[in-house]
Amino acid sequence: MKIPTITLKGVRRILTACSEDGRMVVLTADLKRDELRSWKETRSFFCPQCRSPVHLKVGDIVIPHFAHRKATACRASFSEGESPQHLTGKLLLHQLLSTHSEDAILEPLLKEISQRPDLLIASNDVKVPIEFQCSTIPIPLLEKRTQGYQKVGMTPIWILHTPQKFTNIPEGVGTFQFSKFEEWFIVSTPPEGDVLLTFNPQTKTFHYFTSLLHIAGQRYIGMHHNLPITFQFFPFIRPKVPSNEDLIRYVNLYSSKRREDLERWVMLNRKGINDPFLRCCYEMRILPVNLPTWIGVPISGNDAFREADFEWQLRLLHFLKRKNLSFNKVTSYNLQQFVWGFDHPSAEKTSACKKYIEFLIRNGLKNPSDKTDFSEKGILYIISERFLANEAQN
């Protein structure tokens, strides 16, 4: 049965409470509703944080939970108003983690930072907060919570609720469009590279998006894996790096998207010569559709730019040509000057430029006007090198 989305404005739902004798009560999935209804009539429960009375809510649709009888100051220590998906997901994750760890605690209060993670794994003197994020909230709030955990020496694991658009997509290599909010949950995890971990409580399935390769904007090439919760454990399973066949698929997709984007740029552009990329093409006497394959390659760190690789790399070459700089004469200051022409200049953008210059020199190029016989085989080598390097680091 599909779990409906129900939001009770102003109500904070929690799954843990204290009983009259001070014992902690956890509403686990194995508790029967009839038993809980009996508890509701015969027992009293209190918030584990502020000790004020809480109701035990036991309906036929929404998952059983506790709720404060009235608004209290302790609400700040709980997450945003929780949907049934969030409550169900927390219970399923608690059930999973309790199987693999004796110290899987549901909704514990971390008094030193006044935060309450969905779950906390405490093992071998290491505490790992786990947050299951269902709703879209401001990214600064996510960062603030993460910083709170880091202040007490904890590194949280954020698990995103699987977006509806990804629920039924096939496994294997493909292209994915993430929102800015979804992108925030991508983490760098050698040897898989950039990874997005999501969980769908309705299907009880983890969805992994691994070895993500940035194309442009918020588009990526990557591998999608499904993992039923019955096959998951803690620490969470880490999928394999791409095989040789997968890497060939990466190259084909990357080259195809590069051609499509270049053709679309020419067909749909309304700025003409005022477009920065087309102006660079004009001044360097290059037709966009005939752009050499070595301009627009997936250098490690290319995701620092939102622009397509062929755009920022051609603009870099144009910049160096105007400065009359050969590649071995380029300084960090030159590259910093270049990235200042983009939104949100950063050290990561400068680093990506430096790696691109190093790539050009390795391929025998000395100046922006030079030529080389670099082909799509070279792109295969670059992509393979990225993932093999990650595997070696691991």
Protein backbone atom coordinates (compact mmCIF):
# COMPACT_ATOMS: atom_id res chain seq x y z
CA MET A 1 0.00 0.00 0.00
CA LYS A 2 1.30 3.43 -0.89
CA ILE A 3 2.06 5.55 2.18
CA PRO A 4 0.23 8.90 1.87
CA THR A 5 1.99 12.17 2.48
CA ILE A 6 0.41 13.78 5.54
CA THR A 7 1.78 16.90 7.19
CA LEU A 8 0.43 18.10 10.53
CA LYS A 9 1.40 21.75 10.74
CA GLY A 10 3.12 22.62 13.99
CA VAL A 11 3.28 19.02 15.23
CA ARG A 12 6.57 17.26 15.91
CA ARG A 13 6.38 13.50 15.66
CA ILE A 14 8.87 11.45 17.64
CA LEU A 15 9.39 7.73 18.04
CA THR A 16 10.91 7.67 21.53
CA ALA A 17 9.54 8.65 24.92
CA CYS A 18 9.97 7.95 28.62
CA SER A 19 7.43 5.85 30.54
CA GLU A 20 6.19 6.57 34.06
CA ASP A 21 9.08 4.61 35.58
CA GLY A 22 11.69 6.51 33.55
CA ARG A 23 12.41 3.75 31.04
CA MET A 24 12.93 4.61 27.40
CA VAL A 25 10.17 3.41 25.06
CA VAL A 26 10.95 3.01 21.36
CA LEU A 27 8.11 2.52 18.87
CA THR A 28 9.73 -0.20 16.79
CA ALA A 29 8.10 -1.73 13.74
CA ASP A 30 7.38 -5.04 15.52
CA LEU A 31 4.97 -3.49 18.04
CA LYS A 32 1.31 -4.29 17.23
CA ARG A 33 -1.19 -1.46 16.95
CA ASP A 34 -3.62 -3.23 19.31
CA GLU A 35 -0.91 -3.36 21.97
CA LEU A 36 -0.10 0.32 21.40
CA ARG A 37 -3.77 1.28 21.70
CA SER A 38 -3.81 -0.48 25.06
CA TRP A 39 -0.74 1.50 26.12
CA LYS A 40 -2.48 4.69 25.07
CA GLU A 41 -5.33 4.02 27.48
CA THR A 42 -3.32 2.72 30.42
CA ARG A 43 0.10 4.37 30.37
CA SER A 44 1.59 7.85 30.46
CA PHE A 45 4.56 9.02 28.41
CA PHE A 46 6.91 11.98 28.62
CA CYS A 47 9.31 13.72 26.26
CA PRO A 48 12.84 12.41 26.87
CA GLN A 49 14.19 15.95 26.52
CA CYS A 50 11.84 18.36 28.31
CA ARG A 51 9.91 15.75 30.36
CA SER A 52 6.58 17.29 29.41
CA PRO A 53 3.64 14.91 28.65
CA VAL A 54 3.34 13.52 25.12
CA HIS A 55 0.46 11.77 23.38
CA LEU A 56 0.82 8.30 21.93
CA LYS A 57 -0.82 8.56 18.51
CA VAL A 58 -2.04 5.26 17.04
CA GLY A 59 -4.06 5.58 13.85
CA ASP A 60 -4.77 3.28 10.94
CA ILE A 61 -2.73 5.14 8.32
CA VAL A 62 -0.02 7.31 9.88
CA ILE A 63 2.72 5.33 11.59
CA PRO A 64 2.39 5.29 15.45
CA HIS A 65 4.31 8.12 17.06
CA PHE A 66 4.50 10.45 20.05
CA ALA A 67 3.62 14.14 19.89
CA HIS A 68 3.80 16.94 22.42
CA ARG A 69 0.45 17.95 23.84
CA LYS A 70 1.40 21.55 23.25
CA ALA A 71 4.31 23.50 21.79
CA THR A 72 7.42 23.42 23.96
CA ALA A 73 10.88 24.94 23.82
CA CYS A 74 12.41 21.53 23.15
CA ARG A 75 10.98 21.43 19.64
CA ALA A 76 14.16 22.99 18.30
CA SER A 77 16.03 19.77 19.04
CA PHE A 78 13.80 17.76 16.74
CA SER A 79 13.88 17.91 12.98
CA GLU A 80 11.27 19.58 10.82
CA GLY A 81 7.68 18.27 10.92
CA GLU A 82 8.03 14.67 9.83
CA SER A 83 6.10 12.89 7.10
CA PRO A 84 5.05 9.23 7.32
CA GLN A 85 7.87 8.44 4.87
CA HIS A 86 10.39 9.90 7.29
CA LEU A 87 9.00 8.02 10.27
CA THR A 88 8.85 4.76 8.33
CA GLY A 89 12.37 5.28 6.99
CA LYS A 90 13.78 5.91 10.47
CA LEU A 91 12.15 2.76 11.81
CA LEU A 92 13.40 0.63 8.92
CA LEU A 93 16.93 2.03 9.27
CA HIS A 94 16.84 1.46 13.04
CA GLN A 95 15.70 -2.12 12.51
CA LEU A 96 18.49 -2.67 9.95
CA LEU A 97 21.23 -1.08 12.04
CA SER A 98 20.11 -2.81 15.26
CA THR A 99 20.68 -6.12 13.49
CA HIS A 100 24.31 -5.22 12.79
CA SER A 101 25.12 -3.11 15.84
CA GLU A 102 24.08 -3.38 19.47
CA ASP A 103 24.43 0.37 19.84
CA ALA A 104 21.96 1.72 17.27
CA ILE A 105 20.09 4.45 19.13
CA LEU A 106 16.92 6.04 17.76
CA GLU A 107 16.51 9.81 18.16
CA PRO A 108 19.14 10.37 20.87
CA LEU A 109 19.62 13.86 22.27
CA LEU A 110 23.18 15.17 21.97
CA LYS A 111 23.00 17.71 24.80
CA GLU A 112 26.34 19.40 24.08
CA ILE A 113 25.07 20.62 20.69
CA SER A 114 21.29 20.40 21.27
CA GLN A 115 20.81 18.19 18.23
CA ARG A 116 18.91 14.97 17.82
CA PRO A 117 20.00 12.81 14.85
CA ASP A 118 17.57 10.28 13.45
CA LEU A 119 19.95 7.52 14.55
CA LEU A 120 23.28 7.22 16.29
CA ILE A 121 25.69 4.31 15.91
CA ALA A 122 28.08 4.03 18.86
CA SER A 123 30.80 1.44 18.37
CA ASN A 124 34.45 1.17 19.42
CA ASP A 125 34.48 4.69 20.87
CA VAL A 126 33.28 6.07 17.53
CA LYS A 127 29.86 7.70 17.24
CA VAL A 128 28.25 8.13 13.83
CA PRO A 129 25.06 10.21 13.47
CA ILE A 130 22.78 9.11 10.65
CA GLU A 131 20.28 11.52 9.16
CA PHE A 132 17.51 10.41 6.79
CA GLN A 133 16.39 13.50 4.87
CA CYS A 134 12.97 13.43 3.24
CA SER A 135 11.95 17.07 2.90
CA THR A 136 13.69 19.83 0.97
CA ILE A 137 15.04 22.36 3.46
CA PRO A 138 17.53 25.24 3.07
CA ILE A 139 21.06 23.98 2.43
CA PRO A 140 22.53 26.31 5.11
CA LEU A 141 20.45 24.40 7.66
CA LEU A 142 21.97 21.10 6.50
CA GLU A 143 25.43 22.64 6.74
CA LYS A 144 24.69 23.97 10.22
CA ARG A 145 23.64 20.53 11.44
CA THR A 146 26.74 18.95 9.94
CA GLN A 147 28.96 21.55 11.58
CA GLY A 148 27.26 20.84 14.90
CA TYR A 149 28.22 17.16 14.71
CA GLN A 150 31.73 18.05 13.61
CA LYS A 151 32.16 20.27 16.68
CA VAL A 152 31.90 17.17 18.88
CA GLY A 153 34.13 15.04 16.64
CA MET A 154 31.39 13.23 14.72
CA THR A 155 31.08 12.78 10.97
CA PRO A 156 27.42 12.33 10.00
CA ILE A 157 26.07 10.11 7.25
CA TRP A 158 23.28 11.79 5.30
CA ILE A 159 20.86 9.54 3.43
CA LEU A 160 18.48 11.23 1.00
CA HIS A 161 14.97 9.92 0.40
CA THR A 162 15.07 8.53 -3.14
CA PRO A 163 13.59 11.18 -5.47
CA GLN A 164 10.49 9.95 -7.31
CA LYS A 165 12.18 10.50 -10.70
CA PHE A 166 14.78 7.84 -9.84
CA THR A 167 12.47 5.19 -8.36
CA ASN A 168 12.01 3.08 -11.50
CA ILE A 169 15.07 3.85 -13.63
CA PRO A 170 17.20 0.89 -14.81
CA GLU A 171 20.46 -0.09 -13.19
CA GLY A 172 23.80 0.47 -14.88
CA VAL A 173 25.54 3.42 -16.55
CA GLY A 174 23.32 6.39 -17.39
CA THR A 175 22.94 10.16 -17.22
CA PHE A 176 21.32 11.81 -14.21
CA GLN A 177 20.04 15.32 -13.54
CA PHE A 178 20.21 16.30 -9.86
CA SER A 179 18.71 19.36 -8.23
CA LYS A 180 21.03 21.66 -6.25
CA PHE A 181 19.52 20.21 -3.07
CA GLU A 182 20.20 16.64 -4.22
CA GLU A 183 23.74 17.57 -5.25
CA TRP A 184 24.49 18.57 -1.65
CA PHE A 185 24.26 14.92 -0.58
CA ILE A 186 26.95 13.79 -3.03
CA VAL A 187 30.10 12.75 -1.16
CA SER A 188 33.56 11.80 -2.35
CA THR A 189 34.25 8.19 -1.38
CA PRO A 190 37.30 6.43 -2.86
CA PRO A 191 37.38 4.19 -4.82
CA GLU A 192 33.86 4.89 -6.12
CA GLY A 193 34.51 8.61 -6.54
CA ASP A 194 31.50 10.87 -6.03
CA VAL A 195 28.55 8.93 -4.57
CA LEU A 196 24.93 9.76 -3.79
CA LEU A 197 23.21 7.35 -1.37
CA THR A 198 19.40 7.37 -1.23
CA PHE A 199 16.75 5.18 0.43
CA ASN A 200 13.15 4.47 -0.52
CA PRO A 201 11.19 3.26 2.55
CA GLN A 202 8.17 2.31 0.44
CA THR A 203 10.12 -0.25 -1.60
CA LYS A 204 12.68 -0.85 1.18
CA THR A 205 15.45 -0.28 -1.34
CA PHE A 206 18.69 1.68 -1.31
CA HIS A 207 19.58 3.46 -4.54
CA TYR A 208 23.26 4.18 -5.14
CA PHE A 209 24.53 6.67 -7.74
CA THR A 210 28.26 6.07 -7.92
CA SER A 211 31.36 7.08 -9.88
CA LEU A 212 29.63 10.31 -10.86
CA LEU A 213 31.25 12.23 -13.71
CA HIS A 214 30.16 15.85 -14.15
CA ILE A 215 28.98 16.89 -17.62
CA ALA A 216 27.61 20.41 -17.16
CA GLY A 217 25.29 22.26 -14.83
CA GLN A 218 23.73 19.59 -12.62
CA ARG A 219 24.05 16.75 -15.14
CA TYR A 220 26.22 13.70 -14.48
CA ILE A 221 27.16 10.36 -15.95
CA GLY A 222 27.26 7.62 -13.34
CA MET A 223 26.25 4.13 -12.28
CA HIS A 224 22.92 3.34 -10.66
CA HIS A 225 22.63 0.34 -8.33
CA ASN A 226 19.60 -0.97 -6.41
CA LEU A 227 20.13 -2.72 -3.07
CA PRO A 228 17.19 -4.21 -1.12
CA ILE A 229 17.40 -3.44 2.59
CA THR A 230 17.72 -7.16 3.36
CA PHE A 231 21.15 -7.13 1.68
CA GLN A 232 22.36 -3.95 3.37
CA PHE A 233 24.53 -3.82 6.49
CA PHE A 234 26.66 -1.34 8.45
CA PRO A 235 29.10 0.09 7.49
CA PHE A 236 27.03 0.56 4.36
CA ILE A 237 27.91 -1.54 1.31
CA ARG A 238 30.12 0.20 -1.24
CA PRO A 239 29.45 -0.73 -4.90
CA LYS A 240 32.25 -1.67 -7.26
CA VAL A 241 34.07 0.77 -9.51
CA PRO A 242 33.12 0.73 -13.22
CA SER A 243 34.29 -2.21 -15.32
CA ASN A 244 36.06 -1.77 -18.66
CA GLU A 245 32.71 -2.18 -20.43
CA ASP A 246 31.18 0.44 -18.14
CA LEU A 247 34.01 2.87 -18.90
CA ILE A 248 33.43 2.51 -22.64
CA ARG A 249 29.80 3.39 -21.99
CA TYR A 250 30.98 6.46 -20.03
CA VAL A 251 33.09 7.60 -22.99
CA ASN A 252 30.27 7.10 -25.48
CA LEU A 253 27.82 9.02 -23.31
CA TYR A 254 30.29 11.83 -22.57
CA SER A 255 31.22 12.23 -26.26
CA SER A 256 27.56 12.10 -27.30
CA LYS A 257 26.51 14.75 -24.77
CA ARG A 258 29.48 16.92 -25.79
CA ARG A 259 28.38 16.82 -29.46
CA GLU A 260 24.73 17.45 -28.57
CA ASP A 261 25.59 20.42 -26.38
CA LEU A 262 27.84 21.97 -29.04
CA GLU A 263 25.15 21.57 -31.71
CA ARG A 264 22.47 22.96 -29.38
CA TRP A 265 24.72 25.90 -28.53
CA VAL A 266 24.93 26.92 -32.17
CA MET A 267 21.25 26.25 -32.96
CA LEU A 268 19.66 27.90 -29.91
CA ASN A 269 22.08 30.69 -29.04
CA ARG A 270 20.48 34.14 -29.24
CA LYS A 271 23.51 36.25 -28.27
CA GLY A 272 25.57 35.50 -31.36
CA ILE A 273 29.10 36.84 -31.17
CA ASN A 274 28.32 38.36 -27.76
CA ASP A 275 28.20 34.89 -26.26
CA PRO A 276 31.58 34.36 -24.47
CA PHE A 277 32.08 30.86 -25.86
CA LEU A 278 31.16 31.72 -29.46
CA ARG A 279 33.31 34.84 -29.33
CA CYS A 280 36.28 32.69 -28.27
CA CYS A 281 35.56 30.34 -31.18
CA TYR A 282 35.43 33.27 -33.60
CA GLU A 283 38.65 34.88 -32.37
CA MET A 284 40.48 31.54 -32.39
CA ARG A 285 39.13 30.66 -35.85
CA ILE A 286 37.44 27.46 -34.64
CA LEU A 287 34.00 26.21 -35.69
CA PRO A 288 32.14 25.01 -32.54
CA VAL A 289 31.06 21.74 -34.20
CA ASN A 290 34.68 21.08 -35.21
CA LEU A 291 36.13 21.74 -31.77
CA PRO A 292 39.19 19.50 -31.26
CA THR A 293 38.57 16.54 -28.95
CA TRP A 294 41.24 17.77 -26.56
CA ILE A 295 39.11 20.85 -25.82
CA GLY A 296 36.33 19.54 -23.61
CA VAL A 297 37.77 16.64 -21.62
CA PRO A 298 36.64 15.41 -18.17
CA ILE A 299 39.64 16.53 -16.13
CA SER A 300 39.54 15.54 -12.46
CA GLY A 301 37.91 18.37 -10.52
CA ASN A 302 35.90 19.60 -13.52
CA ASP A 303 32.75 19.75 -11.37
CA ALA A 304 34.13 22.97 -9.85
CA PHE A 305 32.74 24.61 -12.99
CA ARG A 306 29.03 24.61 -13.77
CA GLU A 307 29.91 25.23 -17.41
CA ALA A 308 30.49 22.37 -19.86
CA ASP A 309 34.13 21.28 -20.10
CA PHE A 310 34.47 22.49 -23.68
CA GLU A 311 33.32 25.98 -22.68
CA TRP A 312 35.60 26.71 -19.75
CA GLN A 313 38.57 24.97 -21.40
CA LEU A 314 38.24 26.91 -24.67
CA ARG A 315 37.82 30.15 -22.71
CA LEU A 316 40.99 29.29 -20.79
CA LEU A 317 42.93 28.71 -24.02
CA HIS A 318 41.60 31.97 -25.44
CA PHE A 319 42.65 33.78 -22.25
CA LEU A 320 46.19 32.37 -22.45
CA LYS A 321 46.46 33.21 -26.14
CA ARG A 322 45.51 36.83 -25.45
CA LYS A 323 48.16 36.90 -22.70
CA ASN A 324 50.65 35.34 -25.16
CA LEU A 325 51.46 32.65 -22.60
CA SER A 326 52.83 29.22 -23.46
CA PHE A 327 51.56 26.45 -21.20
CA ASN A 328 54.82 25.99 -19.32
CA LYS A 329 54.84 29.72 -18.46
CA VAL A 330 51.37 29.76 -16.86
CA THR A 331 51.38 30.72 -13.17
CA SER A 332 48.84 30.21 -10.41
CA TYR A 333 48.15 33.94 -10.51
CA ASN A 334 47.31 33.71 -14.25
CA LEU A 335 44.80 30.96 -13.51
CA GLN A 336 43.30 32.91 -10.63
CA GLN A 337 42.86 35.87 -12.98
CA PHE A 338 41.03 33.60 -15.40
CA VAL A 339 38.57 32.10 -12.88
CA TRP A 340 37.70 35.59 -11.64
CA GLY A 341 35.73 35.87 -14.89
CA PHE A 342 33.30 33.17 -13.70
CA ASP A 343 30.63 33.16 -11.04
CA HIS A 344 31.90 32.05 -7.64
CA PRO A 345 35.66 31.93 -8.36
CA SER A 346 37.34 29.36 -6.15
CA ALA A 347 40.54 27.47 -5.45
CA GLU A 348 38.82 24.37 -6.87
CA LYS A 349 38.31 26.12 -10.22
CA THR A 350 41.96 27.19 -10.25
CA SER A 351 43.02 23.63 -9.47
CA ALA A 352 40.92 22.25 -12.35
CA CYS A 353 42.57 24.73 -14.73
CA LYS A 354 46.01 23.69 -13.53
CA LYS A 355 45.19 20.02 -14.14
CA TYR A 356 43.97 20.84 -17.63
CA ILE A 357 47.23 22.66 -18.44
CA GLU A 358 49.19 19.65 -17.14
CA PHE A 359 47.06 17.40 -19.37
CA LEU A 360 47.85 19.52 -22.43
CA ILE A 361 51.59 19.48 -21.71
CA ARG A 362 51.53 15.67 -21.27
CA ASN A 363 49.97 15.42 -24.72
CA GLY A 364 52.75 17.43 -26.36
CA LEU A 365 50.99 20.79 -26.57
CA LYS A 366 52.97 23.93 -25.80
CA ASN A 367 50.71 26.78 -26.95
CA PRO A 368 46.95 27.38 -27.39
CA SER A 369 47.37 27.28 -31.19
CA ASP A 370 49.13 23.89 -31.27
CA LYS A 371 47.50 20.70 -32.56
CA THR A 372 47.62 17.06 -31.48
CA ASP A 373 46.15 13.74 -32.60
CA PHE A 374 44.28 13.29 -29.31
CA SER A 375 41.14 11.14 -29.85
CA GLU A 376 38.25 9.60 -27.91
CA LYS A 377 40.69 6.91 -26.80
CA GLY A 378 42.35 9.65 -24.81
CA ILE A 379 39.04 10.41 -23.09
CA LEU A 380 38.77 6.74 -22.15
CA TYR A 381 42.23 6.95 -20.62
CA ILE A 382 41.32 10.10 -18.64
CA ILE A 383 38.14 8.57 -17.23
CA SER A 384 39.87 5.26 -16.47
CA GLU A 385 42.73 7.11 -14.80
CA ARG A 386 40.30 8.92 -12.51
CA PHE A 387 38.67 5.76 -11.18
CA LEU A 388 41.85 3.69 -11.12
CA ALA A 389 43.52 6.47 -9.11
CA ASN A 390 40.63 6.38 -6.63
CA GLU A 391 40.96 2.61 -6.36
CA ALA A 392 44.70 2.88 -5.72
CA GLN A 393 44.08 5.44 -2.96
CA ASN A 394 41.74 3.02 -1.27
